[in-house]
N, C-alpha and C. Protein backbone atom coordinates (compact mmCIF):
# COMPACT_ATOMS: atom_id res chain seq x y z
N MET A 1 137.04 59.01 -27.04
CA MET A 1 138.74 58.06 -27.57
C MET A 1 139.91 58.74 -27.29
N LYS A 2 139.93 59.99 -27.33
CA LYS A 2 140.84 60.87 -27.34
C LYS A 2 142.03 60.72 -25.82
N ASN A 3 141.09 60.81 -25.02
CA ASN A 3 141.48 60.44 -23.72
C ASN A 3 141.71 59.74 -23.42
N ASN A 4 140.95 58.22 -23.43
CA ASN A 4 141.11 56.86 -23.13
C ASN A 4 141.38 55.92 -23.86
N ILE A 5 142.09 55.88 -25.43
CA ILE A 5 142.56 55.01 -25.95
C ILE A 5 144.11 55.61 -26.43
N GLU A 6 144.82 54.86 -25.60
CA GLU A 6 146.51 54.90 -25.82
C GLU A 6 146.75 54.55 -27.79
N THR A 7 147.81 55.28 -28.14
CA THR A 7 148.78 55.13 -29.46
C THR A 7 149.36 54.20 -29.52
N GLU A 8 149.36 53.18 -30.14
CA GLU A 8 150.39 52.52 -30.44
C GLU A 8 150.96 52.64 -32.07
N TRP A 9 152.16 51.76 -32.42
CA TRP A 9 152.63 52.50 -33.68
C TRP A 9 152.92 51.25 -33.93
N TYR A 10 152.39 50.49 -35.15
CA TYR A 10 152.36 49.44 -35.98
C TYR A 10 151.29 49.64 -37.16
N TRP A 11 151.70 48.69 -38.06
CA TRP A 11 151.23 49.38 -39.66
C TRP A 11 149.90 48.18 -39.34
N GLY A 12 148.59 48.64 -40.13
CA GLY A 12 147.53 47.98 -40.36
C GLY A 12 146.48 47.53 -39.15
N CYS A 13 145.77 47.31 -39.01
CA CYS A 13 144.63 47.01 -38.11
C CYS A 13 145.03 45.61 -37.44
N MET A 14 145.36 45.57 -36.31
CA MET A 14 146.03 44.33 -35.81
C MET A 14 145.08 43.78 -34.64
N LYS A 15 143.82 45.09 -33.69
CA LYS A 15 143.42 44.56 -33.07
C LYS A 15 141.86 44.79 -33.27
N GLY A 16 141.21 45.68 -34.06
CA GLY A 16 139.85 46.06 -33.70
C GLY A 16 139.52 46.37 -32.95
N ALA A 17 138.05 46.93 -33.36
CA ALA A 17 137.04 47.64 -32.38
C ALA A 17 137.18 47.10 -30.94
N GLU A 18 137.16 45.97 -31.22
CA GLU A 18 136.63 45.44 -29.78
C GLU A 18 137.17 45.23 -28.67
N GLU A 19 138.65 44.57 -29.23
CA GLU A 19 140.29 44.42 -28.47
C GLU A 19 140.98 45.65 -28.29
N ALA A 20 140.88 46.82 -29.56
CA ALA A 20 141.34 48.37 -28.73
C ALA A 20 140.85 48.96 -27.71
N LEU A 21 139.33 48.45 -27.66
CA LEU A 21 138.44 49.48 -26.25
C LEU A 21 139.05 48.75 -25.34
N ARG A 22 138.84 46.92 -25.37
CA ARG A 22 139.52 46.54 -24.19
C ARG A 22 140.70 46.70 -23.91
N GLN A 23 141.67 47.03 -24.82
CA GLN A 23 143.02 47.17 -23.83
C GLN A 23 143.58 48.29 -23.84
N GLY A 24 142.75 49.59 -24.22
CA GLY A 24 142.84 50.47 -24.07
C GLY A 24 143.71 51.17 -24.95
N SER A 25 144.30 50.73 -25.95
CA SER A 25 145.11 51.01 -26.81
C SER A 25 144.71 50.71 -28.06
N GLY A 26 145.65 51.08 -28.88
CA GLY A 26 145.67 50.37 -30.99
C GLY A 26 146.44 51.71 -31.64
N ASN A 27 146.48 51.23 -32.74
CA ASN A 27 147.08 52.13 -33.66
C ASN A 27 145.75 52.93 -34.32
N ASP A 28 146.23 53.45 -35.76
CA ASP A 28 145.28 54.81 -36.23
C ASP A 28 143.88 53.83 -36.74
N CYS A 29 144.52 52.68 -37.07
CA CYS A 29 143.51 51.63 -38.21
C CYS A 29 142.58 51.20 -37.13
N ASP A 30 143.11 50.88 -36.01
CA ASP A 30 142.12 50.52 -34.69
C ASP A 30 141.12 51.36 -33.98
N HIS A 31 142.02 52.65 -34.06
CA HIS A 31 141.21 53.81 -33.46
C HIS A 31 139.92 54.06 -34.29
N ALA A 32 140.29 54.27 -35.62
CA ALA A 32 139.33 54.36 -36.93
C ALA A 32 138.24 53.29 -36.44
N ALA A 33 138.57 52.04 -36.35
CA ALA A 33 137.67 51.06 -36.23
C ALA A 33 136.31 51.01 -34.79
N LEU A 34 137.46 51.30 -33.77
CA LEU A 34 136.77 51.90 -32.30
C LEU A 34 135.54 53.08 -32.54
N LEU A 35 135.97 54.20 -33.35
CA LEU A 35 135.44 55.34 -33.96
C LEU A 35 134.20 55.04 -34.34
N LEU A 36 134.34 54.44 -35.61
CA LEU A 36 133.00 53.89 -36.41
C LEU A 36 131.73 52.71 -35.82
N SER A 37 132.54 52.02 -35.03
CA SER A 37 131.95 50.81 -33.94
C SER A 37 131.03 52.00 -33.34
N LEU A 38 131.68 52.93 -32.59
CA LEU A 38 130.60 53.77 -31.93
C LEU A 38 129.84 54.59 -32.07
N LEU A 39 130.05 55.38 -33.53
CA LEU A 39 129.20 55.75 -34.11
C LEU A 39 128.07 55.28 -34.38
N ARG A 40 128.31 54.20 -35.67
CA ARG A 40 126.93 53.47 -36.24
C ARG A 40 126.96 52.91 -34.74
N ALA A 41 127.08 52.38 -33.48
CA ALA A 41 125.93 51.99 -32.24
C ALA A 41 125.15 53.16 -31.92
N SER A 42 125.32 54.26 -32.36
CA SER A 42 124.72 55.56 -31.47
C SER A 42 123.86 56.15 -33.24
N GLY A 43 124.21 55.53 -34.18
CA GLY A 43 122.95 55.69 -34.94
C GLY A 43 123.36 56.67 -36.36
N PHE A 44 125.00 56.93 -36.34
CA PHE A 44 125.08 57.84 -36.90
C PHE A 44 126.02 56.96 -38.35
N PRO A 45 125.51 57.24 -39.27
CA PRO A 45 126.08 56.53 -40.57
C PRO A 45 127.44 57.31 -40.78
N SER A 46 128.32 56.31 -40.60
CA SER A 46 129.91 56.40 -40.78
C SER A 46 130.21 55.38 -42.01
N ARG A 47 131.58 55.97 -42.51
CA ARG A 47 132.65 54.76 -43.21
C ARG A 47 133.72 55.47 -43.11
N TYR A 48 134.96 54.16 -43.65
CA TYR A 48 136.26 54.49 -43.60
C TYR A 48 136.56 55.36 -44.54
N VAL A 49 137.94 56.13 -44.23
CA VAL A 49 138.38 56.73 -45.55
C VAL A 49 139.86 56.68 -45.14
N ARG A 50 140.53 56.51 -46.22
CA ARG A 50 141.98 56.17 -45.97
C ARG A 50 142.97 57.40 -47.13
N GLY A 51 143.56 57.72 -45.96
CA GLY A 51 144.76 58.94 -46.98
C GLY A 51 145.96 59.30 -46.53
N VAL A 52 146.79 60.30 -46.66
CA VAL A 52 147.97 60.50 -46.61
C VAL A 52 148.07 61.35 -45.77
N ILE A 53 148.58 61.83 -44.72
CA ILE A 53 148.82 62.75 -43.54
C ILE A 53 150.20 62.83 -43.60
N GLU A 54 150.54 64.72 -43.63
CA GLU A 54 151.88 65.21 -43.42
C GLU A 54 151.90 65.79 -42.47
N LEU A 55 153.09 65.12 -41.04
CA LEU A 55 153.57 65.33 -40.04
C LEU A 55 154.86 66.18 -40.18
N ASP A 56 154.85 67.68 -39.42
CA ASP A 56 156.27 68.40 -39.29
C ASP A 56 156.44 67.38 -38.53
N SER A 57 158.39 67.44 -38.67
CA SER A 57 159.07 67.01 -37.73
C SER A 57 158.52 67.20 -36.16
N GLU A 58 158.25 68.30 -35.66
CA GLU A 58 158.21 68.30 -34.33
C GLU A 58 156.79 68.02 -33.85
N ARG A 59 156.06 67.82 -34.75
CA ARG A 59 154.37 66.91 -34.24
C ARG A 59 155.02 65.84 -34.15
N LEU A 60 155.78 65.13 -34.94
CA LEU A 60 156.11 63.77 -34.70
C LEU A 60 156.48 63.14 -33.48
N LYS A 61 157.97 64.39 -33.34
CA LYS A 61 158.57 64.40 -32.24
C LYS A 61 157.80 64.08 -30.76
N ASN A 62 156.45 64.96 -31.06
CA ASN A 62 156.04 65.27 -29.62
C ASN A 62 154.96 63.89 -30.03
N LEU A 63 154.70 63.37 -30.97
CA LEU A 63 153.47 61.90 -30.99
C LEU A 63 154.56 60.98 -30.27
N THR A 64 155.72 60.83 -31.18
CA THR A 64 156.19 59.41 -30.82
C THR A 64 157.11 59.66 -29.42
N GLY A 65 157.65 61.04 -29.07
CA GLY A 65 158.86 60.55 -27.91
C GLY A 65 160.31 60.71 -28.01
N ILE A 66 160.30 60.81 -29.67
CA ILE A 66 161.64 60.62 -29.92
C ILE A 66 162.29 61.88 -30.71
N ASN A 67 163.57 62.58 -30.23
CA ASN A 67 163.72 63.53 -30.65
C ASN A 67 164.98 64.04 -31.90
N ASP A 68 164.96 62.66 -32.85
CA ASP A 68 165.55 63.34 -33.74
C ASP A 68 165.30 62.78 -34.77
N GLU A 69 165.43 63.48 -35.79
CA GLU A 69 164.37 62.73 -37.15
C GLU A 69 164.96 61.64 -38.04
N THR A 70 166.02 61.27 -37.57
CA THR A 70 166.95 60.10 -38.11
C THR A 70 166.39 58.97 -37.50
N HIS A 71 166.06 59.04 -36.13
CA HIS A 71 165.55 57.92 -35.27
C HIS A 71 164.17 57.86 -35.45
N ILE A 72 163.26 58.87 -35.70
CA ILE A 72 162.29 58.74 -36.23
C ILE A 72 161.97 57.57 -37.24
N ALA A 73 162.95 58.11 -38.32
CA ALA A 73 162.32 57.32 -39.82
C ALA A 73 162.69 55.50 -39.42
N GLU A 74 164.01 55.63 -38.59
CA GLU A 74 164.21 54.20 -38.29
C GLU A 74 163.28 53.54 -37.74
N PHE A 75 162.31 54.03 -36.60
CA PHE A 75 161.14 53.82 -35.45
C PHE A 75 160.14 53.67 -36.57
N LEU A 76 159.46 54.58 -37.39
CA LEU A 76 158.76 53.78 -38.67
C LEU A 76 158.98 53.00 -39.32
N GLN A 77 160.21 52.88 -39.80
CA GLN A 77 160.45 51.76 -40.40
C GLN A 77 160.12 50.31 -39.77
N LYS A 78 161.03 49.91 -38.56
CA LYS A 78 160.93 49.43 -37.51
C LYS A 78 159.30 48.67 -37.27
N ALA A 79 158.33 49.49 -37.61
CA ALA A 79 157.19 49.36 -37.24
C ALA A 79 156.47 48.70 -38.50
N GLY A 80 156.92 49.10 -39.42
CA GLY A 80 156.22 48.61 -40.86
C GLY A 80 155.58 49.77 -41.32
N ILE A 81 155.27 50.96 -40.85
CA ILE A 81 154.72 52.04 -41.62
C ILE A 81 155.20 53.15 -42.51
N PRO A 82 154.47 52.61 -43.62
CA PRO A 82 154.85 53.46 -44.79
C PRO A 82 154.97 55.03 -44.84
N PHE A 83 156.21 55.59 -45.17
CA PHE A 83 156.21 57.26 -45.17
C PHE A 83 157.27 57.14 -46.01
N LYS A 84 157.36 58.54 -46.29
CA LYS A 84 157.94 59.64 -47.13
C LYS A 84 158.38 60.74 -46.44
N ILE A 85 160.32 60.57 -46.50
CA ILE A 85 160.45 62.14 -45.82
C ILE A 85 160.34 63.21 -46.79
N ILE A 86 159.92 64.32 -46.29
CA ILE A 86 159.97 65.37 -46.91
C ILE A 86 160.95 66.22 -46.27
N ILE A 87 162.07 66.81 -47.28
CA ILE A 87 163.00 67.84 -47.12
C ILE A 87 162.95 69.20 -47.24
N ARG A 88 163.07 69.88 -46.47
CA ARG A 88 162.80 71.10 -46.17
C ARG A 88 164.10 71.99 -45.66
N GLY A 89 164.91 73.07 -46.32
CA GLY A 89 165.78 73.73 -45.76
C GLY A 89 166.73 73.08 -45.93
N GLY A 90 167.26 71.58 -46.56
CA GLY A 90 168.44 71.12 -46.31
C GLY A 90 168.17 69.57 -45.25
N LYS A 91 166.99 69.74 -44.80
CA LYS A 91 167.03 68.94 -43.60
C LYS A 91 165.69 68.15 -43.19
N ILE A 92 165.25 67.24 -42.58
CA ILE A 92 163.93 66.40 -42.77
C ILE A 92 162.90 67.64 -42.14
N GLY A 93 162.20 68.28 -42.85
CA GLY A 93 160.84 68.66 -42.25
C GLY A 93 159.58 68.24 -41.81
N ALA A 94 159.58 66.89 -42.66
CA ALA A 94 158.49 66.56 -42.37
C ALA A 94 158.51 65.23 -42.70
N PHE A 95 157.62 64.26 -42.11
CA PHE A 95 156.79 63.00 -42.74
C PHE A 95 155.57 62.83 -43.49
N GLN A 96 155.62 62.20 -44.32
CA GLN A 96 153.96 61.75 -45.25
C GLN A 96 153.61 60.15 -44.57
N LEU A 97 152.89 60.08 -43.98
CA LEU A 97 152.12 58.70 -43.25
C LEU A 97 151.04 58.52 -44.15
N GLU A 98 151.00 57.25 -44.36
CA GLU A 98 149.81 56.46 -45.03
C GLU A 98 148.60 56.53 -43.61
């Protein structure tokens, strides 16, 4: 999946497993649905787990291709993705995402 399914940025499952596989893309929720389907089809018991991840600014810059923390915040907001900004050393150091 890592090498064959592209990441898109939006909130909530919109495509599901089958459509993410067909289109070769989806967000984190769609990736999870596809992974669960593949694991279950292979006989591995699996389930969803929901949580919060903290990504430092540099990691999120690499993932999104956006080089400014303020623009990353605007991007996440426009995509409808809930987030919290973590301030470190007087500047945006990380983002917490659901």
